Amino acid sequence: MEKYSFDAGGVRVKYFVVKGTDGNVRTAFDACDVCGGSQGYSQRGSDVVCNKCSRNFKINALGSENLGGGCWPSFLEHKIEGNNVLIKKSDIVAGAFRFR
């Protein structure tokens, strides 16, 4: 898991990039839809774990909107071009509310 941050008008927006056991890259805000952005996630093997509520998520299952409610790594769209993971600045800025 590689963690990054971006200054969006004075708000530090945190996000991460992680590779699943299937070889696919996943990206998410380092913030939970419920628990907020104060504590983020850690990687434990093939899972990411919410640092606030300790809920585990399979890395291979990340990369979708939270349709069921509850704790979930907040969706952050990306695309792959060659060996690069591309994330739109506008998508990062749109997630700033999670860190206020």
N, C-alpha and C. Protein backbone atom coordinates (compact mmCIF):
# COMPACT_ATOMS: atom_id res chain seq x y z
N MET A 1 0.85 -1.17 0.00
CA MET A 1 0.00 0.00 0.00
C MET A 1 0.90 1.23 0.00
N GLU A 2 0.66 2.09 -0.96
CA GLU A 2 1.36 3.37 -1.04
C GLU A 2 0.36 4.47 -0.73
N LYS A 3 0.70 5.35 0.20
CA LYS A 3 -0.20 6.43 0.58
C LYS A 3 0.31 7.76 0.02
N TYR A 4 -0.64 8.61 -0.36
CA TYR A 4 -0.35 9.90 -0.95
C TYR A 4 -1.29 10.94 -0.35
N SER A 5 -0.94 12.21 -0.54
CA SER A 5 -1.85 13.27 -0.13
C SER A 5 -1.74 14.42 -1.14
N PHE A 6 -2.79 15.22 -1.17
CA PHE A 6 -2.88 16.35 -2.08
C PHE A 6 -3.54 17.51 -1.34
N ASP A 7 -2.98 18.70 -1.47
CA ASP A 7 -3.56 19.89 -0.84
C ASP A 7 -4.66 20.43 -1.75
N ALA A 8 -5.89 20.33 -1.29
CA ALA A 8 -7.05 20.81 -2.05
C ALA A 8 -7.59 22.05 -1.33
N GLY A 9 -7.00 23.19 -1.63
CA GLY A 9 -7.45 24.43 -1.03
C GLY A 9 -7.32 24.47 0.48
N GLY A 10 -6.22 23.95 1.00
CA GLY A 10 -5.99 23.94 2.43
C GLY A 10 -6.46 22.69 3.15
N VAL A 11 -7.08 21.78 2.42
CA VAL A 11 -7.52 20.51 3.00
C VAL A 11 -6.59 19.41 2.50
N ARG A 12 -5.99 18.67 3.41
CA ARG A 12 -5.09 17.57 3.03
C ARG A 12 -5.92 16.34 2.72
N VAL A 13 -6.03 16.03 1.43
CA VAL A 13 -6.81 14.87 0.96
C VAL A 13 -5.86 13.69 0.85
N LYS A 14 -6.16 12.62 1.57
CA LYS A 14 -5.30 11.43 1.59
C LYS A 14 -5.94 10.31 0.79
N TYR A 15 -5.10 9.57 0.08
CA TYR A 15 -5.59 8.44 -0.70
C TYR A 15 -4.49 7.40 -0.79
N PHE A 16 -4.88 6.20 -1.23
CA PHE A 16 -3.87 5.14 -1.34
C PHE A 16 -4.04 4.35 -2.63
N VAL A 17 -2.94 3.71 -3.02
CA VAL A 17 -2.88 2.82 -4.17
C VAL A 17 -2.37 1.49 -3.63
N VAL A 18 -3.06 0.41 -3.99
CA VAL A 18 -2.68 -0.91 -3.49
C VAL A 18 -2.95 -1.94 -4.59
N LYS A 19 -2.10 -2.95 -4.67
CA LYS A 19 -2.26 -4.00 -5.68
C LYS A 19 -2.87 -5.23 -5.02
N GLY A 20 -3.91 -5.77 -5.64
CA GLY A 20 -4.55 -6.97 -5.13
C GLY A 20 -3.78 -8.23 -5.50
N THR A 21 -4.19 -9.34 -4.93
CA THR A 21 -3.55 -10.62 -5.23
C THR A 21 -3.80 -11.04 -6.67
N ASP A 22 -4.81 -10.42 -7.31
CA ASP A 22 -5.10 -10.70 -8.71
C ASP A 22 -4.23 -9.86 -9.65
N GLY A 23 -3.36 -9.02 -9.09
CA GLY A 23 -2.46 -8.18 -9.89
C GLY A 23 -3.05 -6.85 -10.29
N ASN A 24 -4.32 -6.60 -10.00
CA ASN A 24 -4.96 -5.35 -10.37
C ASN A 24 -4.76 -4.29 -9.29
N VAL A 25 -4.58 -3.06 -9.74
CA VAL A 25 -4.39 -1.92 -8.85
C VAL A 25 -5.75 -1.39 -8.41
N ARG A 26 -5.83 -1.03 -7.13
CA ARG A 26 -7.03 -0.39 -6.58
C ARG A 26 -6.61 0.94 -5.98
N THR A 27 -7.50 1.91 -6.05
CA THR A 27 -7.28 3.21 -5.42
C THR A 27 -8.50 3.55 -4.58
N ALA A 28 -8.26 4.26 -3.49
CA ALA A 28 -9.36 4.69 -2.62
C ALA A 28 -8.88 5.88 -1.80
N PHE A 29 -9.84 6.70 -1.37
CA PHE A 29 -9.50 7.72 -0.41
C PHE A 29 -9.12 7.02 0.88
N ASP A 30 -8.16 7.59 1.60
CA ASP A 30 -7.76 7.01 2.89
C ASP A 30 -8.72 7.51 3.95
N ALA A 31 -10.00 7.27 3.67
CA ALA A 31 -11.09 7.72 4.53
C ALA A 31 -12.26 6.78 4.36
N CYS A 32 -12.96 6.57 5.44
CA CYS A 32 -14.12 5.70 5.43
C CYS A 32 -15.38 6.52 5.18
N ASP A 33 -16.35 5.92 4.50
CA ASP A 33 -17.63 6.59 4.26
C ASP A 33 -18.36 6.89 5.57
N VAL A 34 -18.10 6.12 6.61
CA VAL A 34 -18.76 6.29 7.91
C VAL A 34 -17.81 6.83 8.97
N CYS A 35 -16.63 6.23 9.07
CA CYS A 35 -15.68 6.57 10.15
C CYS A 35 -14.94 7.88 9.89
N GLY A 36 -14.97 8.39 8.68
CA GLY A 36 -14.33 9.65 8.36
C GLY A 36 -12.88 9.49 7.91
N GLY A 37 -12.19 10.62 7.82
CA GLY A 37 -10.83 10.61 7.28
C GLY A 37 -9.73 10.83 8.29
N SER A 38 -10.06 10.76 9.57
CA SER A 38 -9.04 11.07 10.57
C SER A 38 -8.03 9.95 10.79
N GLN A 39 -8.42 8.69 10.57
CA GLN A 39 -7.52 7.59 10.88
C GLN A 39 -7.12 6.74 9.69
N GLY A 40 -7.92 6.67 8.66
CA GLY A 40 -7.56 5.96 7.44
C GLY A 40 -7.50 4.45 7.58
N TYR A 41 -6.71 3.84 6.70
CA TYR A 41 -6.61 2.38 6.58
C TYR A 41 -5.16 1.93 6.65
N SER A 42 -4.99 0.67 7.01
CA SER A 42 -3.69 0.00 6.98
C SER A 42 -3.85 -1.28 6.17
N GLN A 43 -2.74 -1.79 5.65
CA GLN A 43 -2.77 -3.06 4.93
C GLN A 43 -2.29 -4.17 5.86
N ARG A 44 -3.04 -5.27 5.86
CA ARG A 44 -2.63 -6.49 6.55
C ARG A 44 -2.80 -7.64 5.57
N GLY A 45 -1.69 -8.05 4.99
CA GLY A 45 -1.74 -9.12 4.00
C GLY A 45 -2.57 -8.72 2.80
N SER A 46 -3.60 -9.50 2.48
CA SER A 46 -4.45 -9.22 1.33
C SER A 46 -5.70 -8.42 1.71
N ASP A 47 -5.67 -7.79 2.90
CA ASP A 47 -6.79 -6.97 3.37
C ASP A 47 -6.32 -5.55 3.64
N VAL A 48 -7.28 -4.61 3.62
CA VAL A 48 -7.08 -3.31 4.22
C VAL A 48 -8.00 -3.27 5.44
N VAL A 49 -7.55 -2.57 6.48
CA VAL A 49 -8.26 -2.54 7.75
C VAL A 49 -8.50 -1.09 8.15
N CYS A 50 -9.74 -0.77 8.52
CA CYS A 50 -10.06 0.57 9.01
C CYS A 50 -9.36 0.77 10.35
N ASN A 51 -8.57 1.83 10.46
CA ASN A 51 -7.83 2.11 11.69
C ASN A 51 -8.72 2.60 12.82
N LYS A 52 -9.98 2.93 12.52
CA LYS A 52 -10.90 3.38 13.57
C LYS A 52 -11.77 2.24 14.09
N CYS A 53 -12.46 1.53 13.18
CA CYS A 53 -13.41 0.50 13.63
C CYS A 53 -12.88 -0.92 13.47
N SER A 54 -11.71 -1.07 12.85
CA SER A 54 -11.03 -2.38 12.68
C SER A 54 -11.71 -3.32 11.70
N ARG A 55 -12.63 -2.83 10.90
CA ARG A 55 -13.28 -3.70 9.91
C ARG A 55 -12.28 -4.01 8.79
N ASN A 56 -12.28 -5.28 8.33
CA ASN A 56 -11.38 -5.75 7.26
C ASN A 56 -12.10 -5.78 5.92
N PHE A 57 -11.35 -5.49 4.86
CA PHE A 57 -11.86 -5.56 3.50
C PHE A 57 -10.83 -6.23 2.61
N LYS A 58 -11.25 -7.16 1.79
CA LYS A 58 -10.36 -7.79 0.82
C LYS A 58 -9.95 -6.74 -0.21
N ILE A 59 -8.66 -6.63 -0.46
CA ILE A 59 -8.17 -5.67 -1.45
C ILE A 59 -8.81 -5.92 -2.80
N ASN A 60 -8.97 -7.18 -3.17
CA ASN A 60 -9.55 -7.51 -4.48
C ASN A 60 -10.99 -7.03 -4.62
N ALA A 61 -11.67 -6.71 -3.52
CA ALA A 61 -13.06 -6.24 -3.57
C ALA A 61 -13.16 -4.72 -3.62
N LEU A 62 -12.06 -4.01 -3.46
CA LEU A 62 -12.09 -2.55 -3.47
C LEU A 62 -12.29 -2.03 -4.88
N GLY A 63 -12.71 -0.77 -4.94
CA GLY A 63 -12.81 -0.12 -6.25
C GLY A 63 -14.23 0.04 -6.74
N SER A 64 -15.17 0.08 -5.81
CA SER A 64 -16.56 0.29 -6.20
C SER A 64 -17.19 1.27 -5.22
N GLU A 65 -18.33 1.79 -5.59
CA GLU A 65 -19.08 2.67 -4.70
C GLU A 65 -19.59 1.86 -3.52
N ASN A 66 -19.79 2.51 -2.39
CA ASN A 66 -20.34 1.86 -1.20
C ASN A 66 -21.85 1.79 -1.35
N LEU A 67 -22.35 0.67 -1.82
CA LEU A 67 -23.78 0.52 -2.05
C LEU A 67 -24.51 -0.01 -0.82
N GLY A 68 -23.78 -0.67 0.07
CA GLY A 68 -24.43 -1.30 1.21
C GLY A 68 -24.43 -0.47 2.48
N GLY A 69 -23.77 0.68 2.46
CA GLY A 69 -23.66 1.48 3.67
C GLY A 69 -22.62 0.90 4.61
N GLY A 70 -22.35 1.58 5.69
CA GLY A 70 -21.36 1.11 6.65
C GLY A 70 -19.95 1.48 6.23
N CYS A 71 -18.99 1.02 7.03
CA CYS A 71 -17.58 1.31 6.78
C CYS A 71 -17.17 0.73 5.42
N TRP A 72 -16.42 1.53 4.65
CA TRP A 72 -15.95 1.11 3.33
C TRP A 72 -14.93 2.13 2.85
N PRO A 73 -13.78 1.70 2.30
CA PRO A 73 -12.83 2.67 1.75
C PRO A 73 -13.48 3.47 0.62
N SER A 74 -13.51 4.77 0.78
CA SER A 74 -14.23 5.65 -0.15
C SER A 74 -13.66 5.56 -1.56
N PHE A 75 -14.54 5.36 -2.51
CA PHE A 75 -14.22 5.16 -3.92
C PHE A 75 -13.44 6.33 -4.50
N LEU A 76 -12.37 6.01 -5.23
CA LEU A 76 -11.58 7.00 -5.97
C LEU A 76 -11.25 6.39 -7.32
N GLU A 77 -11.81 6.96 -8.36
CA GLU A 77 -11.62 6.43 -9.71
C GLU A 77 -10.18 6.63 -10.18
N HIS A 78 -9.71 5.71 -10.99
CA HIS A 78 -8.38 5.81 -11.60
C HIS A 78 -8.40 5.08 -12.94
N LYS A 79 -7.34 5.28 -13.70
CA LYS A 79 -7.13 4.46 -14.90
C LYS A 79 -5.64 4.16 -15.01
N ILE A 80 -5.34 3.11 -15.73
CA ILE A 80 -3.96 2.67 -15.92
C ILE A 80 -3.55 2.99 -17.35
N GLU A 81 -2.41 3.66 -17.50
CA GLU A 81 -1.81 3.90 -18.82
C GLU A 81 -0.37 3.44 -18.73
N GLY A 82 -0.08 2.34 -19.41
CA GLY A 82 1.26 1.76 -19.32
C GLY A 82 1.53 1.31 -17.90
N ASN A 83 2.60 1.82 -17.30
CA ASN A 83 2.94 1.50 -15.91
C ASN A 83 2.48 2.58 -14.93
N ASN A 84 1.65 3.50 -15.40
CA ASN A 84 1.23 4.63 -14.57
C ASN A 84 -0.21 4.50 -14.11
N VAL A 85 -0.45 4.85 -12.86
CA VAL A 85 -1.80 4.95 -12.30
C VAL A 85 -2.18 6.42 -12.38
N LEU A 86 -3.25 6.73 -13.10
CA LEU A 86 -3.67 8.11 -13.29
C LEU A 86 -4.95 8.38 -12.51
N ILE A 87 -4.92 9.45 -11.74
CA ILE A 87 -6.08 9.89 -10.97
C ILE A 87 -6.30 11.35 -11.31
N LYS A 88 -7.53 11.71 -11.65
CA LYS A 88 -7.83 13.10 -11.99
C LYS A 88 -7.77 13.98 -10.75
N LYS A 89 -7.14 15.13 -10.91
CA LYS A 89 -7.09 16.11 -9.82
C LYS A 89 -8.50 16.47 -9.36
N SER A 90 -9.42 16.61 -10.30
CA SER A 90 -10.79 16.97 -9.95
C SER A 90 -11.46 15.91 -9.08
N ASP A 91 -11.11 14.63 -9.28
CA ASP A 91 -11.67 13.56 -8.45
C ASP A 91 -11.12 13.63 -7.03
N ILE A 92 -9.83 13.97 -6.91
CA ILE A 92 -9.23 14.11 -5.58
C ILE A 92 -9.86 15.29 -4.85
N VAL A 93 -9.97 16.43 -5.53
CA VAL A 93 -10.56 17.63 -4.93
C VAL A 93 -12.00 17.37 -4.51
N ALA A 94 -12.74 16.60 -5.31
CA ALA A 94 -14.14 16.30 -4.99
C ALA A 94 -14.28 15.50 -3.70
N GLY A 95 -13.23 14.82 -3.29
CA GLY A 95 -13.27 14.04 -2.06
C GLY A 95 -12.81 14.79 -0.82
N ALA A 96 -12.50 16.07 -0.97
CA ALA A 96 -11.96 16.85 0.16
C ALA A 96 -12.92 16.92 1.34
N PHE A 97 -14.22 16.86 1.08
CA PHE A 97 -15.19 16.96 2.18
C PHE A 97 -14.99 15.86 3.22
N ARG A 98 -14.41 14.74 2.82
CA ARG A 98 -14.19 13.63 3.76
C ARG A 98 -13.13 13.96 4.82
N PHE A 99 -12.34 14.99 4.57
CA PHE A 99 -11.20 15.31 5.45
C PHE A 99 -11.36 16.64 6.18
N ARG A 100 -12.52 17.24 6.10
CA ARG A 100 -12.75 18.52 6.79
C ARG A 100 -13.16 18.29 8.22
